[in-house]
Structures are given as structure tokens and as C-alpha cells.
C-alpha atoms as a PDB file:
ATOM      1  CA  MET A   1       0.000   0.000   0.000  1.00  0.00           C
ATOM      2  CA  LYS A   2       1.467   3.341  -1.067  1.00  0.00           C
ATOM      3  CA  ALA A   3       1.284   6.338   1.245  1.00  0.00           C
ATOM      4  CA  MET A   4      -1.007   9.052  -0.119  1.00  0.00           C
ATOM      5  CA  GLY A   5       0.479  11.994   1.749  1.00  0.00           C
ATOM      6  CA  LYS A   6       2.825  13.208   4.440  1.00  0.00           C
ATOM      7  CA  THR A   7       2.283  13.679   8.150  1.00  0.00           C
ATOM      8  CA  ALA A   8       2.471  17.082   9.835  1.00  0.00           C
ATOM      9  CA  THR A   9       5.901  16.145  11.213  1.00  0.00           C
ATOM     10  CA  GLN A  10       7.220  15.302   7.754  1.00  0.00           C
ATOM     11  CA  VAL A  11       5.781  18.512   6.288  1.00  0.00           C
ATOM     12  CA  ALA A  12       7.321  20.572   9.119  1.00  0.00           C
ATOM     13  CA  GLU A  13      10.744  19.042   8.474  1.00  0.00           C
ATOM     14  CA  GLU A  14      10.390  19.637   4.729  1.00  0.00           C
ATOM     15  CA  LEU A  15       9.384  23.290   5.149  1.00  0.00           C
ATOM     16  CA  GLY A  16      11.765  24.017   8.023  1.00  0.00           C
ATOM     17  CA  CYS A  17       9.230  24.965  10.674  1.00  0.00           C
ATOM     18  CA  THR A  18       7.436  23.471  13.660  1.00  0.00           C
ATOM     19  CA  VAL A  19       4.475  21.112  13.690  1.00  0.00           C
ATOM     20  CA  ALA A  20       2.534  23.861  15.492  1.00  0.00           C
ATOM     21  CA  THR A  21       3.070  26.170  12.503  1.00  0.00           C
ATOM     22  CA  ILE A  22       1.832  23.473  10.128  1.00  0.00           C
ATOM     23  CA  SER A  23      -1.211  22.863  12.314  1.00  0.00           C
ATOM     24  CA  ARG A  24      -1.996  26.583  12.479  1.00  0.00           C
ATOM     25  CA  TRP A  25      -1.824  26.999   8.689  1.00  0.00           C
ATOM     26  CA  ALA A  26      -3.750  23.769   8.095  1.00  0.00           C
ATOM     27  CA  LYS A  27      -6.568  25.043  10.273  1.00  0.00           C
ATOM     28  CA  LYS A  28      -6.540  28.483   8.620  1.00  0.00           C
ATOM     29  CA  LEU A  29      -6.495  27.033   5.074  1.00  0.00           C
ATOM     30  CA  ASN A  30      -8.827  24.137   5.950  1.00  0.00           C
ATOM     31  CA  VAL A  31      -6.447  21.490   4.586  1.00  0.00           C
ATOM     32  CA  GLY A  32      -5.237  18.106   5.836  1.00  0.00           C
ATOM     33  CA  ARG A  33      -7.071  14.976   6.852  1.00  0.00           C
ATOM     34  CA  LYS A  34      -7.155  13.143  10.165  1.00  0.00           C
ATOM     35  CA  TYR A  35      -5.793   9.604   9.758  1.00  0.00           C
ATOM     36  CA  GLY A  36      -5.622   7.736  13.042  1.00  0.00           C
ATOM     37  CA  SER A  37      -3.866  10.068  15.467  1.00  0.00           C
ATOM     38  CA  SER A  38      -2.074  12.067  12.748  1.00  0.00           C
ATOM     39  CA  PHE A  39      -2.921  14.676  10.168  1.00  0.00           C
ATOM     40  CA  VAL A  40      -1.969  13.779   6.603  1.00  0.00           C
ATOM     41  CA  PHE A  41      -1.377  16.309   3.833  1.00  0.00           C
ATOM     42  CA  LEU A  42      -1.491  15.798   0.073  1.00  0.00           C
ATOM     43  CA  PRO A  43       1.178  17.398  -2.158  1.00  0.00           C
ATOM     44  CA  LYS A  44      -1.168  20.192  -3.323  1.00  0.00           C
ATOM     45  CA  GLU A  45      -2.011  21.005   0.317  1.00  0.00           C
ATOM     46  CA  ILE A  46       1.692  21.166   1.177  1.00  0.00           C
ATOM     47  CA  LYS A  47       2.159  23.654  -1.682  1.00  0.00           C
ATOM     48  CA  GLN A  48      -0.684  25.790  -0.280  1.00  0.00           C
ATOM     49  CA  ILE A  49       0.935  25.874   3.149  1.00  0.00           C
ATOM     50  CA  SER A  50       4.395  26.640   1.754  1.00  0.00           C
ATOM     51  CA  LYS A  51       3.023  29.611  -0.222  1.00  0.00           C
ATOM     52  CA  GLU A  52       1.377  31.082   2.874  1.00  0.00           C
ATOM     53  CA  LYS A  53       4.037  30.606   5.534  1.00  0.00           C
ATOM     54  CA  GLN A  54       6.838  33.130   5.932  1.00  0.00           C
ATOM     55  CA  ASP A  55      10.343  32.129   4.843  1.00  0.00           C
ATOM     56  CA  PHE A  56      12.053  33.260   8.040  1.00  0.00           C
ATOM     57  CA  ARG A  57      11.794  32.631  11.769  1.00  0.00           C
ATOM     58  CA  GLY A  58      10.245  34.974  14.276  1.00  0.00           C
ATOM     59  CA  ARG A  59       7.791  37.804  14.124  1.00  0.00           C
ATOM     60  CA  PRO A  60       7.461  39.614  10.781  1.00  0.00           C
ATOM     61  CA  LYS A  61       8.986  43.093  10.705  1.00  0.00           C
ATOM     62  CA  LYS A  62       6.845  46.155  10.129  1.00  0.00           C
ATOM     63  CA  ASN A  63       6.937  47.734   6.730  1.00  0.00           C
ATOM     64  CA  LEU A  64       8.668  51.046   7.518  1.00  0.00           C
ATOM     65  CA  GLU A  65       7.276  52.779   4.418  1.00  0.00           C
ATOM     66  CA  ASN A  66       3.700  52.397   5.654  1.00  0.00           C
ATOM     67  CA  SER A  67       4.481  53.140   9.288  1.00  0.00           C
ATOM     68  CA  SER A  68       2.938  56.274  10.818  1.00  0.00           C
ATOM     69  CA  ARG A  69       6.055  56.971  12.913  1.00  0.00           C
END
């Protein structure tokens, strides 16, 4: 039997973030399927998450051009 997708842990390792980040984006984008005690993501769902998540760690910086300071 061939695996149809990847677990949240595998996706987190692939995208370089935590499982909590994957879970947060999965909930926001309404993607992923519960399989046993894990969430499983299809390749197109992984692409959706990777497009949405930021490419760096930490809190995003303010855009200084649009700042009122």
C-alpha cells in the first residue's frame, strides 16, 4: 500500500518549521485529513501551506514605508 500523503511532522521538516506552525496553517487554510492520530497532507495542500508561511523565523517586521512613525 502506497502512502497518499505526508504527516504534519514530515511537512514541518520539509518546510523548516514546527508542527505547530503546520497545524496553524492547516486550520486556517482548511487542509489536511485526520488519519488515526495524525494529520496527513497531500502534495497540493503542502504547496498551499508553503506559499502562505513566511520564509524566516520569528515575528514579521513592520513595513517602515507604511508606518505612521
